[in-house]
All heavy atoms as atom14 arrays in JSON, in Angstrom:
{
  "sequence": "TIKHLNLQDCHIQSEGIQRLGPGLHKCQELRLGW",
  "atom14_mask": [
    [1, 1, 1, 1, 1, 1, 1, 0, 0, 0, 0, 0, 0, 0],
    [1, 1, 1, 1, 1, 1, 1, 1, 0, 0, 0, 0, 0, 0],
    [1, 1, 1, 1, 1, 1, 1, 1, 1, 0, 0, 0, 0, 0],
    [1, 1, 1, 1, 1, 1, 1, 1, 1, 1, 0, 0, 0, 0],
    [1, 1, 1, 1, 1, 1, 1, 1, 0, 0, 0, 0, 0, 0],
    [1, 1, 1, 1, 1, 1, 1, 1, 0, 0, 0, 0, 0, 0],
    [1, 1, 1, 1, 1, 1, 1, 1, 0, 0, 0, 0, 0, 0],
    [1, 1, 1, 1, 1, 1, 1, 1, 1, 0, 0, 0, 0, 0],
    [1, 1, 1, 1, 1, 1, 1, 1, 0, 0, 0, 0, 0, 0],
    [1, 1, 1, 1, 1, 1, 0, 0, 0, 0, 0, 0, 0, 0],
    [1, 1, 1, 1, 1, 1, 1, 1, 1, 1, 0, 0, 0, 0],
    [1, 1, 1, 1, 1, 1, 1, 1, 0, 0, 0, 0, 0, 0],
    [1, 1, 1, 1, 1, 1, 1, 1, 1, 0, 0, 0, 0, 0],
    [1, 1, 1, 1, 1, 1, 0, 0, 0, 0, 0, 0, 0, 0],
    [1, 1, 1, 1, 1, 1, 1, 1, 1, 0, 0, 0, 0, 0],
    [1, 1, 1, 1, 0, 0, 0, 0, 0, 0, 0, 0, 0, 0],
    [1, 1, 1, 1, 1, 1, 1, 1, 0, 0, 0, 0, 0, 0],
    [1, 1, 1, 1, 1, 1, 1, 1, 1, 0, 0, 0, 0, 0],
    [1, 1, 1, 1, 1, 1, 1, 1, 1, 1, 1, 0, 0, 0],
    [1, 1, 1, 1, 1, 1, 1, 1, 0, 0, 0, 0, 0, 0],
    [1, 1, 1, 1, 0, 0, 0, 0, 0, 0, 0, 0, 0, 0],
    [1, 1, 1, 1, 1, 1, 1, 0, 0, 0, 0, 0, 0, 0],
    [1, 1, 1, 1, 0, 0, 0, 0, 0, 0, 0, 0, 0, 0],
    [1, 1, 1, 1, 1, 1, 1, 1, 0, 0, 0, 0, 0, 0],
    [1, 1, 1, 1, 1, 1, 1, 1, 1, 1, 0, 0, 0, 0],
    [1, 1, 1, 1, 1, 1, 1, 1, 1, 0, 0, 0, 0, 0],
    [1, 1, 1, 1, 1, 1, 0, 0, 0, 0, 0, 0, 0, 0],
    [1, 1, 1, 1, 1, 1, 1, 1, 1, 0, 0, 0, 0, 0],
    [1, 1, 1, 1, 1, 1, 1, 1, 1, 0, 0, 0, 0, 0],
    [1, 1, 1, 1, 1, 1, 1, 1, 0, 0, 0, 0, 0, 0],
    [1, 1, 1, 1, 1, 1, 1, 1, 1, 1, 1, 0, 0, 0],
    [1, 1, 1, 1, 1, 1, 1, 1, 0, 0, 0, 0, 0, 0],
    [1, 1, 1, 1, 0, 0, 0, 0, 0, 0, 0, 0, 0, 0],
    [1, 1, 1, 1, 1, 1, 1, 1, 1, 1, 1, 1, 1, 1]
  ],
  "atom14_positions": [
    [[0.81, -1.23, 0.0], [0.0, 0.0, 0.0], [0.83, 1.27, 0.0], [0.34, 2.34, -0.34], [-0.92, 0.03, 1.24], [-0.11, -0.05, 2.43], [-1.91, -1.11, 1.2], [0.0, 0.0, 0.0], [0.0, 0.0, 0.0], [0.0, 0.0, 0.0], [0.0, 0.0, 0.0], [0.0, 0.0, 0.0], [0.0, 0.0, 0.0], [0.0, 0.0, 0.0]],
    [[2.1, 1.19, 0.41], [2.93, 2.39, 0.54], [3.33, 2.89, -0.84], [4.11, 2.28, -1.54], [4.17, 2.12, 1.41], [3.73, 1.75, 2.83], [5.07, 3.35, 1.46], [4.84, 1.26, 3.72], [0.0, 0.0, 0.0], [0.0, 0.0, 0.0], [0.0, 0.0, 0.0], [0.0, 0.0, 0.0], [0.0, 0.0, 0.0], [0.0, 0.0, 0.0]],
    [[2.77, 4.04, -1.22], [2.97, 4.6, -2.55], [3.97, 5.75, -2.56], [4.67, 5.97, -3.54], [1.64, 5.08, -3.13], [0.61, 3.98, -3.31], [-0.7, 4.55, -3.84], [-1.74, 3.44, -4.01], [-3.04, 3.97, -4.49], [0.0, 0.0, 0.0], [0.0, 0.0, 0.0], [0.0, 0.0, 0.0], [0.0, 0.0, 0.0], [0.0, 0.0, 0.0]],
    [[4.01, 6.51, -1.46], [4.84, 7.73, -1.42], [5.86, 7.62, -0.3], [5.49, 7.47, 0.87], [3.96, 8.96, -1.2], [2.76, 9.02, -2.1], [2.86, 9.34, -3.43], [1.45, 8.78, -1.85], [1.65, 9.29, -3.97], [0.78, 8.95, -3.03], [0.0, 0.0, 0.0], [0.0, 0.0, 0.0], [0.0, 0.0, 0.0], [0.0, 0.0, 0.0]],
    [[7.13, 7.7, -0.65], [8.21, 7.65, 0.33], [9.06, 8.91, 0.2], [9.72, 9.12, -0.82], [9.08, 6.4, 0.1], [10.21, 6.17, 1.11], [9.65, 5.96, 2.51], [11.08, 4.98, 0.69], [0.0, 0.0, 0.0], [0.0, 0.0, 0.0], [0.0, 0.0, 0.0], [0.0, 0.0, 0.0], [0.0, 0.0, 0.0], [0.0, 0.0, 0.0]],
    [[8.99, 9.76, 1.22], [9.72, 11.03, 1.2], [10.86, 10.97, 2.21], [10.64, 11.02, 3.42], [8.77, 12.18, 1.55], [9.46, 13.55, 1.44], [10.67, 13.63, 1.24], [8.7, 14.61, 1.58], [0.0, 0.0, 0.0], [0.0, 0.0, 0.0], [0.0, 0.0, 0.0], [0.0, 0.0, 0.0], [0.0, 0.0, 0.0], [0.0, 0.0, 0.0]],
    [[12.08, 10.84, 1.69], [13.28, 10.77, 2.53], [14.24, 11.9, 2.17], [15.46, 11.73, 2.21], [13.96, 9.41, 2.36], [13.11, 8.17, 2.67], [13.91, 6.9, 2.47], [12.55, 8.23, 4.09], [0.0, 0.0, 0.0], [0.0, 0.0, 0.0], [0.0, 0.0, 0.0], [0.0, 0.0, 0.0], [0.0, 0.0, 0.0], [0.0, 0.0, 0.0]],
    [[13.71, 13.07, 1.84], [14.57, 14.2, 1.47], [15.32, 14.72, 2.69], [14.75, 14.87, 3.78], [13.73, 15.33, 0.87], [13.23, 15.02, -0.53], [12.94, 16.27, -1.33], [13.04, 16.26, -2.55], [12.57, 17.35, -0.68], [0.0, 0.0, 0.0], [0.0, 0.0, 0.0], [0.0, 0.0, 0.0], [0.0, 0.0, 0.0], [0.0, 0.0, 0.0]],
    [[16.6, 15.02, 2.47], [17.44, 15.64, 3.49], [17.46, 14.82, 4.78], [17.27, 15.36, 5.86], [16.94, 17.07, 3.76], [17.97, 17.91, 4.49], [19.15, 17.49, 4.58], [17.6, 18.99, 5.01], [0.0, 0.0, 0.0], [0.0, 0.0, 0.0], [0.0, 0.0, 0.0], [0.0, 0.0, 0.0], [0.0, 0.0, 0.0], [0.0, 0.0, 0.0]],
    [[17.71, 13.53, 4.65], [17.76, 12.64, 5.81], [19.17, 12.16, 6.12], [19.36, 11.21, 6.88], [16.85, 11.43, 5.57], [15.08, 11.81, 5.6], [0.0, 0.0, 0.0], [0.0, 0.0, 0.0], [0.0, 0.0, 0.0], [0.0, 0.0, 0.0], [0.0, 0.0, 0.0], [0.0, 0.0, 0.0], [0.0, 0.0, 0.0], [0.0, 0.0, 0.0]],
    [[20.16, 12.8, 5.48], [21.58, 12.45, 5.7], [21.87, 11.0, 5.32], [22.72, 10.34, 5.93], [22.0, 12.73, 7.14], [21.82, 14.15, 7.56], [22.74, 15.14, 7.3], [20.78, 14.77, 8.19], [22.3, 16.3, 7.77], [21.11, 16.1, 8.3], [0.0, 0.0, 0.0], [0.0, 0.0, 0.0], [0.0, 0.0, 0.0], [0.0, 0.0, 0.0]],
    [[21.15, 10.5, 4.33], [21.37, 9.14, 3.85], [22.59, 9.13, 2.94], [22.71, 9.95, 2.04], [20.14, 8.62, 3.09], [18.93, 8.56, 4.02], [20.4, 7.25, 2.48], [17.64, 8.25, 3.31], [0.0, 0.0, 0.0], [0.0, 0.0, 0.0], [0.0, 0.0, 0.0], [0.0, 0.0, 0.0], [0.0, 0.0, 0.0], [0.0, 0.0, 0.0]],
    [[23.48, 8.19, 3.17], [24.65, 8.04, 2.33], [24.6, 6.67, 1.64], [23.56, 6.02, 1.61], [25.92, 8.22, 3.17], [26.01, 9.61, 3.8], [27.27, 9.8, 4.61], [28.05, 8.89, 4.81], [27.48, 11.03, 5.07], [0.0, 0.0, 0.0], [0.0, 0.0, 0.0], [0.0, 0.0, 0.0], [0.0, 0.0, 0.0], [0.0, 0.0, 0.0]],
    [[25.7, 6.25, 1.08], [25.72, 5.05, 0.26], [25.24, 3.81, 1.02], [24.47, 3.0, 0.51], [27.13, 4.81, -0.29], [27.13, 3.74, -1.2], [0.0, 0.0, 0.0], [0.0, 0.0, 0.0], [0.0, 0.0, 0.0], [0.0, 0.0, 0.0], [0.0, 0.0, 0.0], [0.0, 0.0, 0.0], [0.0, 0.0, 0.0], [0.0, 0.0, 0.0]],
    [[25.68, 3.65, 2.28], [25.28, 2.47, 3.05], [23.78, 2.48, 3.31], [23.11, 1.44, 3.22], [26.02, 2.41, 4.39], [25.68, 1.15, 5.18], [26.4, 1.08, 6.52], [27.22, 1.97, 6.82], [26.13, 0.12, 7.27], [0.0, 0.0, 0.0], [0.0, 0.0, 0.0], [0.0, 0.0, 0.0], [0.0, 0.0, 0.0], [0.0, 0.0, 0.0]],
    [[23.22, 3.66, 3.6], [21.79, 3.76, 3.86], [20.97, 3.41, 2.64], [19.98, 2.67, 2.74], [0.0, 0.0, 0.0], [0.0, 0.0, 0.0], [0.0, 0.0, 0.0], [0.0, 0.0, 0.0], [0.0, 0.0, 0.0], [0.0, 0.0, 0.0], [0.0, 0.0, 0.0], [0.0, 0.0, 0.0], [0.0, 0.0, 0.0], [0.0, 0.0, 0.0]],
    [[21.36, 3.92, 1.47], [20.6, 3.63, 0.26], [20.75, 2.16, -0.12], [19.84, 1.55, -0.7], [21.02, 4.56, -0.9], [19.93, 4.61, -1.98], [22.34, 4.18, -1.49], [18.67, 5.26, -1.55], [0.0, 0.0, 0.0], [0.0, 0.0, 0.0], [0.0, 0.0, 0.0], [0.0, 0.0, 0.0], [0.0, 0.0, 0.0], [0.0, 0.0, 0.0]],
    [[21.88, 1.56, 0.24], [22.06, 0.12, -0.01], [21.08, -0.69, 0.82], [20.5, -1.68, 0.34], [23.5, -0.29, 0.32], [23.83, -1.71, -0.1], [25.32, -2.0, 0.02], [26.1, -1.16, 0.46], [25.72, -3.18, -0.39], [0.0, 0.0, 0.0], [0.0, 0.0, 0.0], [0.0, 0.0, 0.0], [0.0, 0.0, 0.0], [0.0, 0.0, 0.0]],
    [[20.84, -0.29, 2.07], [19.87, -0.97, 2.92], [18.45, -0.77, 2.39], [17.61, -1.67, 2.48], [19.96, -0.43, 4.35], [21.3, -0.61, 5.03], [21.56, -2.06, 5.41], [22.77, -2.22, 6.19], [22.81, -2.23, 7.52], [21.68, -2.1, 8.22], [23.95, -2.37, 8.16], [0.0, 0.0, 0.0], [0.0, 0.0, 0.0], [0.0, 0.0, 0.0]],
    [[18.18, 0.4, 1.85], [16.85, 0.7, 1.33], [16.56, 0.0, 0.01], [15.41, -0.28, -0.33], [16.7, 2.21, 1.1], [16.35, 3.08, 2.31], [16.62, 4.53, 1.99], [14.91, 2.87, 2.72], [0.0, 0.0, 0.0], [0.0, 0.0, 0.0], [0.0, 0.0, 0.0], [0.0, 0.0, 0.0], [0.0, 0.0, 0.0], [0.0, 0.0, 0.0]],
    [[17.62, -0.28, -0.74], [17.53, -0.75, -2.11], [16.45, -1.78, -2.41], [15.67, -1.61, -3.35], [0.0, 0.0, 0.0], [0.0, 0.0, 0.0], [0.0, 0.0, 0.0], [0.0, 0.0, 0.0], [0.0, 0.0, 0.0], [0.0, 0.0, 0.0], [0.0, 0.0, 0.0], [0.0, 0.0, 0.0], [0.0, 0.0, 0.0], [0.0, 0.0, 0.0]],
    [[16.36, -2.88, -1.64], [15.42, -3.95, -2.0], [13.95, -3.54, -2.05], [13.16, -4.2, -2.72], [15.66, -4.99, -0.88], [17.05, -4.74, -0.42], [17.24, -3.26, -0.52], [0.0, 0.0, 0.0], [0.0, 0.0, 0.0], [0.0, 0.0, 0.0], [0.0, 0.0, 0.0], [0.0, 0.0, 0.0], [0.0, 0.0, 0.0], [0.0, 0.0, 0.0]],
    [[13.58, -2.46, -1.36], [12.17, -2.08, -1.34], [11.81, -0.89, -2.2], [10.62, -0.58, -2.37], [0.0, 0.0, 0.0], [0.0, 0.0, 0.0], [0.0, 0.0, 0.0], [0.0, 0.0, 0.0], [0.0, 0.0, 0.0], [0.0, 0.0, 0.0], [0.0, 0.0, 0.0], [0.0, 0.0, 0.0], [0.0, 0.0, 0.0], [0.0, 0.0, 0.0]],
    [[12.8, -0.21, -2.76], [12.54, 1.07, -3.43], [11.62, 0.92, -4.65], [10.81, 1.81, -4.93], [13.86, 1.71, -3.87], [14.78, 2.17, -2.74], [16.05, 2.79, -3.32], [14.08, 3.17, -1.82], [0.0, 0.0, 0.0], [0.0, 0.0, 0.0], [0.0, 0.0, 0.0], [0.0, 0.0, 0.0], [0.0, 0.0, 0.0], [0.0, 0.0, 0.0]],
    [[11.74, -0.18, -5.38], [10.98, -0.32, -6.63], [9.48, -0.41, -6.4], [8.7, -0.25, -7.34], [11.46, -1.56, -7.4], [11.06, -2.85, -6.75], [11.77, -3.39, -5.69], [10.03, -3.7, -6.98], [11.19, -4.51, -5.31], [10.12, -4.73, -6.08], [0.0, 0.0, 0.0], [0.0, 0.0, 0.0], [0.0, 0.0, 0.0], [0.0, 0.0, 0.0]],
    [[9.06, -0.64, -5.15], [7.63, -0.82, -4.87], [6.89, 0.5, -4.69], [5.66, 0.53, -4.69], [7.44, -1.68, -3.62], [8.04, -3.08, -3.75], [7.72, -3.94, -2.57], [6.25, -4.33, -2.55], [5.95, -5.29, -1.48], [0.0, 0.0, 0.0], [0.0, 0.0, 0.0], [0.0, 0.0, 0.0], [0.0, 0.0, 0.0], [0.0, 0.0, 0.0]],
    [[7.62, 1.61, -4.51], [6.99, 2.91, -4.28], [6.66, 3.59, -5.62], [7.39, 3.47, -6.58], [7.91, 3.82, -3.48], [8.4, 3.13, -1.89], [0.0, 0.0, 0.0], [0.0, 0.0, 0.0], [0.0, 0.0, 0.0], [0.0, 0.0, 0.0], [0.0, 0.0, 0.0], [0.0, 0.0, 0.0], [0.0, 0.0, 0.0], [0.0, 0.0, 0.0]],
    [[5.56, 4.34, -5.64], [5.21, 5.08, -6.85], [5.91, 6.44, -6.89], [6.25, 6.93, -7.96], [3.69, 5.27, -6.92], [2.93, 3.98, -7.15], [1.43, 4.21, -7.23], [0.96, 5.34, -7.34], [0.67, 3.14, -7.18], [0.0, 0.0, 0.0], [0.0, 0.0, 0.0], [0.0, 0.0, 0.0], [0.0, 0.0, 0.0], [0.0, 0.0, 0.0]],
    [[6.1, 7.05, -5.71], [6.77, 8.35, -5.62], [7.91, 8.23, -4.63], [7.71, 7.84, -3.48], [5.8, 9.43, -5.18], [6.44, 10.81, -5.11], [5.45, 11.91, -4.78], [4.25, 11.59, -4.59], [5.85, 13.07, -4.72], [0.0, 0.0, 0.0], [0.0, 0.0, 0.0], [0.0, 0.0, 0.0], [0.0, 0.0, 0.0], [0.0, 0.0, 0.0]],
    [[9.11, 8.57, -5.09], [10.32, 8.38, -4.29], [11.11, 9.68, -4.27], [11.61, 10.13, -5.3], [11.14, 7.24, -4.91], [12.4, 6.77, -4.2], [12.08, 6.32, -2.78], [13.05, 5.65, -4.98], [0.0, 0.0, 0.0], [0.0, 0.0, 0.0], [0.0, 0.0, 0.0], [0.0, 0.0, 0.0], [0.0, 0.0, 0.0], [0.0, 0.0, 0.0]],
    [[11.19, 10.3, -3.09], [11.92, 11.56, -2.92], [13.18, 11.31, -2.1], [13.12, 11.04, -0.9], [11.04, 12.6, -2.22], [9.72, 12.89, -2.93], [9.94, 13.56, -4.26], [8.68, 13.85, -4.94], [8.58, 14.29, -6.18], [9.69, 14.51, -6.88], [7.43, 14.53, -6.74], [0.0, 0.0, 0.0], [0.0, 0.0, 0.0], [0.0, 0.0, 0.0]],
    [[14.34, 11.4, -2.76], [15.62, 11.14, -2.1], [16.56, 12.34, -2.15], [17.76, 12.21, -1.88], [16.3, 9.94, -2.77], [15.58, 8.59, -2.64], [16.23, 7.55, -3.55], [15.59, 8.11, -1.19], [0.0, 0.0, 0.0], [0.0, 0.0, 0.0], [0.0, 0.0, 0.0], [0.0, 0.0, 0.0], [0.0, 0.0, 0.0], [0.0, 0.0, 0.0]],
    [[16.02, 13.5, -2.48], [16.85, 14.69, -2.66], [17.59, 15.15, -1.41], [17.2, 14.84, -0.29], [0.0, 0.0, 0.0], [0.0, 0.0, 0.0], [0.0, 0.0, 0.0], [0.0, 0.0, 0.0], [0.0, 0.0, 0.0], [0.0, 0.0, 0.0], [0.0, 0.0, 0.0], [0.0, 0.0, 0.0], [0.0, 0.0, 0.0], [0.0, 0.0, 0.0]],
    [[18.71, 15.85, -1.65], [19.54, 16.45, -0.6], [20.11, 15.39, 0.35], [20.27, 15.64, 1.54], [18.77, 17.53, 0.16], [18.23, 18.6, -0.71], [16.92, 18.93, -0.89], [18.97, 19.49, -1.56], [16.79, 19.97, -1.78], [18.03, 20.33, -2.21], [20.33, 19.65, -1.83], [18.42, 21.31, -3.12], [20.72, 20.64, -2.74], [19.76, 21.45, -3.36]]
  ]
}
């Protein structure tokens, strides 16, 4: 059911996005800016 994921300006770096990776394709709107 989760369509919108807003993680802007969350100090996410390479390791964080690697942990997030497996679920990202399921979101319709993905905000990863800053």
